């Protein structure tokens, strides 16, 4: 790991002030945008029209996480509207290689997510087609859940695979990431961390982002960020 990235999730933000909430995390590497359809997960958030408008006012790139059915149809739309990274779920994609290539052809980073109980091994051959692999550390659908330590062995296996691949694939974790859990995830090999309530629940969002970044760097012996 050479670079730790922190992606605050606006699922924990004040929905009535999303423009301001995005501005409050301008020190982050990207904003994590959870799109839910009340089918793949039992929650409903926003669709392309809202995300497109938010992207127009955001000071940080968008890391979109699609927790939706029919990912093959809808994921390219988020690339079209300017989202820099689009992640679909392996469990929801019919043709993941075709989809990843379509996302990349539209200049978006292609990501694939795995639910906690989904093994990583069947998807390792897809790594050259991806820019990011997301290992969910809670069951997707709601913010504020506790980190599942049972996912740590899978993170380690995924980290070993991504580092052994010729492809440059970032390893992201999402769910229950806080100052008390980020070190475990970083030690296991993750380098991109989605943090919701631990950032948006803090009075000083920039300080919260900085604290998470430093804890992850320290866990990997990287020293202070410059």
Protein backbone atom coordinates (compact mmCIF):
# COMPACT_ATOMS: atom_id res chain seq x y z
CA UNK A 1 0.00 0.00 0.00
CA UNK A 2 1.40 3.39 -0.94
CA UNK A 3 -1.63 5.63 -0.80
CA UNK A 4 -4.56 5.62 1.61
CA UNK A 5 -7.84 6.99 0.25
CA UNK A 6 -10.79 8.09 2.36
CA UNK A 7 -14.25 8.23 0.75
CA UNK A 8 -16.96 9.68 3.04
CA UNK A 9 -20.40 8.24 2.38
CA UNK A 10 -23.15 10.82 1.92
CA UNK A 11 -25.62 8.17 3.11
CA UNK A 12 -24.78 9.56 6.57
CA UNK A 13 -25.05 13.22 5.50
CA UNK A 14 -27.94 15.63 5.96
CA UNK A 15 -30.05 14.98 2.86
CA UNK A 16 -31.53 18.49 2.99
CA UNK A 17 -28.04 20.03 2.66
CA UNK A 18 -26.19 17.68 0.34
CA UNK A 19 -24.38 20.43 -1.57
CA UNK A 20 -22.96 21.81 1.68
CA UNK A 21 -22.25 18.32 2.98
CA UNK A 22 -20.14 17.57 -0.10
CA UNK A 23 -18.23 20.83 0.37
CA UNK A 24 -17.53 19.81 3.97
CA UNK A 25 -15.50 16.80 2.81
CA UNK A 26 -13.35 18.50 0.19
CA UNK A 27 -10.23 17.12 1.90
CA UNK A 28 -11.36 13.58 1.07
CA UNK A 29 -10.23 11.68 -2.02
CA UNK A 30 -13.82 11.18 -3.25
CA UNK A 31 -17.40 11.11 -2.04
CA UNK A 32 -19.04 7.69 -1.83
CA UNK A 33 -22.52 7.74 -3.38
CA UNK A 34 -24.77 4.82 -2.43
CA UNK A 35 -27.48 4.17 -5.01
CA UNK A 36 -30.17 1.77 -3.74
CA UNK A 37 -33.31 0.57 -5.51
CA UNK A 38 -35.29 -1.15 -2.70
CA UNK A 39 -34.91 -4.46 -4.59
CA UNK A 40 -31.27 -5.55 -4.36
CA UNK A 41 -31.23 -4.06 -0.85
CA UNK A 42 -34.19 -3.04 1.35
CA UNK A 43 -33.58 0.69 1.08
CA UNK A 44 -34.18 3.44 -1.46
CA UNK A 45 -31.96 6.46 -2.05
CA UNK A 46 -31.49 8.38 -5.30
CA UNK A 47 -31.13 7.86 -9.01
CA UNK A 48 -29.17 9.32 -11.94
CA UNK A 49 -30.90 12.73 -12.00
CA UNK A 50 -30.04 13.54 -8.38
CA UNK A 51 -26.51 12.15 -8.67
CA UNK A 52 -25.87 14.13 -11.86
CA UNK A 53 -26.91 17.40 -10.20
CA UNK A 54 -24.82 16.68 -7.10
CA UNK A 55 -21.80 15.88 -9.26
CA UNK A 56 -22.11 19.32 -10.85
CA UNK A 57 -21.65 21.04 -7.47
CA UNK A 58 -19.25 18.62 -5.77
CA UNK A 59 -15.63 19.68 -5.10
CA UNK A 60 -14.56 16.01 -4.96
CA UNK A 61 -14.87 13.10 -7.43
CA UNK A 62 -17.73 10.63 -7.14
CA UNK A 63 -17.29 6.98 -6.18
CA UNK A 64 -20.71 5.51 -6.98
CA UNK A 65 -21.75 2.22 -5.38
CA UNK A 66 -24.73 0.67 -7.13
CA UNK A 67 -26.75 -1.57 -4.81
CA UNK A 68 -29.32 -2.22 -7.52
CA UNK A 69 -30.75 -4.96 -9.70
CA UNK A 70 -30.15 -4.72 -13.44
CA UNK A 71 -26.68 -3.24 -12.99
CA UNK A 72 -25.82 -4.06 -16.61
CA UNK A 73 -28.47 -1.60 -17.77
CA UNK A 74 -27.99 1.23 -15.28
CA UNK A 75 -24.29 1.35 -14.39
CA UNK A 76 -23.19 2.94 -17.70
CA UNK A 77 -25.60 5.81 -17.10
CA UNK A 78 -23.59 6.91 -14.05
CA UNK A 79 -20.43 6.96 -16.14
CA UNK A 80 -22.22 9.03 -18.77
CA UNK A 81 -23.18 11.72 -16.23
CA UNK A 82 -19.59 12.18 -15.11
CA UNK A 83 -19.09 9.91 -12.10
CA UNK A 84 -15.41 9.08 -11.94
CA UNK A 85 -15.80 5.58 -10.46
CA UNK A 86 -18.78 3.23 -10.78
CA UNK A 87 -19.03 0.02 -8.75
CA UNK A 88 -21.60 -2.68 -9.48
CA UNK A 89 -22.31 -5.80 -7.42
CA UNK A 90 -21.06 -9.13 -8.69
CA UNK A 91 -24.33 -10.64 -7.49
CA UNK A 92 -26.35 -8.25 -9.68
CA UNK A 93 -24.35 -8.25 -12.92
CA UNK A 94 -25.16 -10.69 -15.70
CA UNK A 95 -22.11 -9.87 -17.85
CA UNK A 96 -19.54 -8.29 -15.51
CA UNK A 97 -16.64 -8.27 -17.97
CA UNK A 98 -18.72 -6.57 -20.66
CA UNK A 99 -20.02 -4.10 -18.10
CA UNK A 100 -16.58 -3.26 -16.71
CA UNK A 101 -15.27 -2.66 -20.22
CA UNK A 102 -18.22 -0.42 -21.04
CA UNK A 103 -17.58 1.68 -17.92
CA UNK A 104 -13.91 2.02 -18.78
CA UNK A 105 -14.76 2.97 -22.37
CA UNK A 106 -16.63 5.95 -20.91
CA UNK A 107 -13.54 6.98 -18.89
CA UNK A 108 -14.90 5.79 -15.55
CA UNK A 109 -13.06 3.50 -13.17
CA UNK A 110 -14.77 0.11 -13.07
CA UNK A 111 -15.43 -1.39 -9.65
CA UNK A 112 -17.01 -4.64 -8.52
CA UNK A 113 -18.49 -5.21 -5.06
CA UNK A 114 -18.96 -8.40 -3.06
CA UNK A 115 -21.43 -8.89 -0.20
CA UNK A 116 -19.90 -10.25 3.04
CA UNK A 117 -20.87 -13.87 2.31
CA UNK A 118 -19.81 -13.80 -1.36
CA UNK A 119 -16.39 -15.46 -1.82
CA UNK A 120 -13.71 -13.57 -3.71
CA UNK A 121 -12.09 -16.57 -5.40
CA UNK A 122 -14.61 -17.03 -8.29
CA UNK A 123 -13.91 -13.46 -9.42
CA UNK A 124 -10.11 -13.31 -9.29
CA UNK A 125 -9.78 -13.88 -13.04
CA UNK A 126 -11.74 -10.63 -13.55
CA UNK A 127 -9.15 -8.46 -11.80
CA UNK A 128 -7.50 -7.24 -15.05
CA UNK A 129 -10.91 -5.87 -16.08
CA UNK A 130 -11.32 -3.87 -12.86
CA UNK A 131 -9.88 -0.76 -11.26
CA UNK A 132 -11.42 -1.40 -7.85
CA UNK A 133 -12.63 -4.37 -5.81
CA UNK A 134 -15.03 -3.58 -2.97
CA UNK A 135 -15.32 -6.01 -0.07
CA UNK A 136 -18.42 -5.13 1.93
CA UNK A 137 -17.74 -5.25 5.67
CA UNK A 138 -21.44 -5.03 6.55
CA UNK A 139 -24.56 -6.28 4.78
CA UNK A 140 -25.35 -3.57 2.22
CA UNK A 141 -28.45 -1.43 2.60
CA UNK A 142 -28.08 0.79 5.64
CA UNK A 143 -25.46 3.04 7.22
CA UNK A 144 -24.37 2.97 10.84
CA UNK A 145 -23.79 -0.79 11.06
CA UNK A 146 -20.95 -2.45 12.98
CA UNK A 147 -17.85 -3.70 11.17
CA UNK A 148 -17.92 -7.47 10.56
CA UNK A 149 -14.56 -8.90 11.60
CA UNK A 150 -15.50 -12.14 9.83
CA UNK A 151 -14.69 -10.34 6.56
CA UNK A 152 -11.02 -9.79 7.48
CA UNK A 153 -9.76 -13.13 6.08
CA UNK A 154 -11.51 -12.33 2.78
CA UNK A 155 -9.88 -8.89 2.70
CA UNK A 156 -6.49 -10.54 3.20
CA UNK A 157 -7.10 -13.02 0.39
CA UNK A 158 -8.31 -10.24 -1.89
CA UNK A 159 -5.27 -8.11 -1.03
CA UNK A 160 -2.92 -10.98 -1.81
CA UNK A 161 -4.65 -11.51 -5.15
CA UNK A 162 -4.67 -7.85 -6.16
CA UNK A 163 -1.01 -7.43 -5.28
CA UNK A 164 -0.15 -10.57 -7.20
CA UNK A 165 -2.00 -9.34 -10.27
CA UNK A 166 -0.42 -7.34 -13.07
CA UNK A 167 -3.50 -5.09 -12.90
CA UNK A 168 -3.52 -2.06 -10.61
CA UNK A 169 -6.65 -2.79 -8.58
CA UNK A 170 -7.58 -0.76 -5.51
CA UNK A 171 -9.08 -2.70 -2.59
CA UNK A 172 -11.98 -0.89 -0.95
CA UNK A 173 -13.87 -1.68 2.25
CA UNK A 174 -17.28 -0.27 3.12
CA UNK A 175 -19.22 -0.63 6.36
CA UNK A 176 -18.49 0.20 9.98
CA UNK A 177 -15.22 1.99 9.20
CA UNK A 178 -14.18 4.21 12.10
CA UNK A 179 -11.05 5.13 14.01
CA UNK A 180 -11.46 1.91 16.00
CA UNK A 181 -11.79 -0.40 12.96
CA UNK A 182 -9.84 1.19 10.11
CA UNK A 183 -6.51 -0.13 11.40
CA UNK A 184 -7.72 -3.75 11.20
CA UNK A 185 -8.96 -3.24 7.65
CA UNK A 186 -5.72 -1.52 6.63
CA UNK A 187 -3.56 -4.22 8.18
CA UNK A 188 -5.58 -6.78 6.21
CA UNK A 189 -4.65 -4.99 2.99
CA UNK A 190 -7.40 -2.49 2.14
CA UNK A 191 -6.31 0.89 0.81
CA UNK A 192 -9.63 2.68 0.08
CA UNK A 193 -11.96 3.24 3.03
CA UNK A 194 -15.62 4.26 2.90
CA UNK A 195 -16.61 6.06 6.11
CA UNK A 196 -20.11 7.34 6.77
CA UNK A 197 -21.15 8.17 10.32
CA UNK A 198 -17.53 8.39 11.53
CA UNK A 199 -17.08 11.40 9.23
CA UNK A 200 -20.54 12.95 9.01
CA UNK A 201 -21.19 12.35 12.69
CA UNK A 202 -18.15 14.46 13.58
CA UNK A 203 -18.38 18.20 14.14
CA UNK A 204 -15.16 18.75 12.17
CA UNK A 205 -15.38 16.59 9.05
CA UNK A 206 -11.89 17.49 7.81
CA UNK A 207 -10.37 16.49 11.14
CA UNK A 208 -12.28 13.18 11.07
CA UNK A 209 -11.01 12.45 7.55
CA UNK A 210 -7.47 13.29 8.61
CA UNK A 211 -7.63 11.08 11.69
CA UNK A 212 -8.88 8.12 9.65
CA UNK A 213 -6.16 8.63 7.06
CA UNK A 214 -3.40 8.76 9.67
CA UNK A 215 -4.63 5.67 11.50
CA UNK A 216 -4.70 3.69 8.26
CA UNK A 217 -1.24 4.89 7.29
CA UNK A 218 0.15 4.09 10.72
CA UNK A 219 -1.34 0.58 10.59
CA UNK A 220 0.66 -0.04 7.43
CA UNK A 221 3.87 1.64 8.61
CA UNK A 222 3.59 4.44 6.06
CA UNK A 223 4.22 7.28 8.51
CA UNK A 224 2.57 10.69 8.47
CA UNK A 225 0.98 11.94 5.25
CA UNK A 226 2.72 14.80 3.50
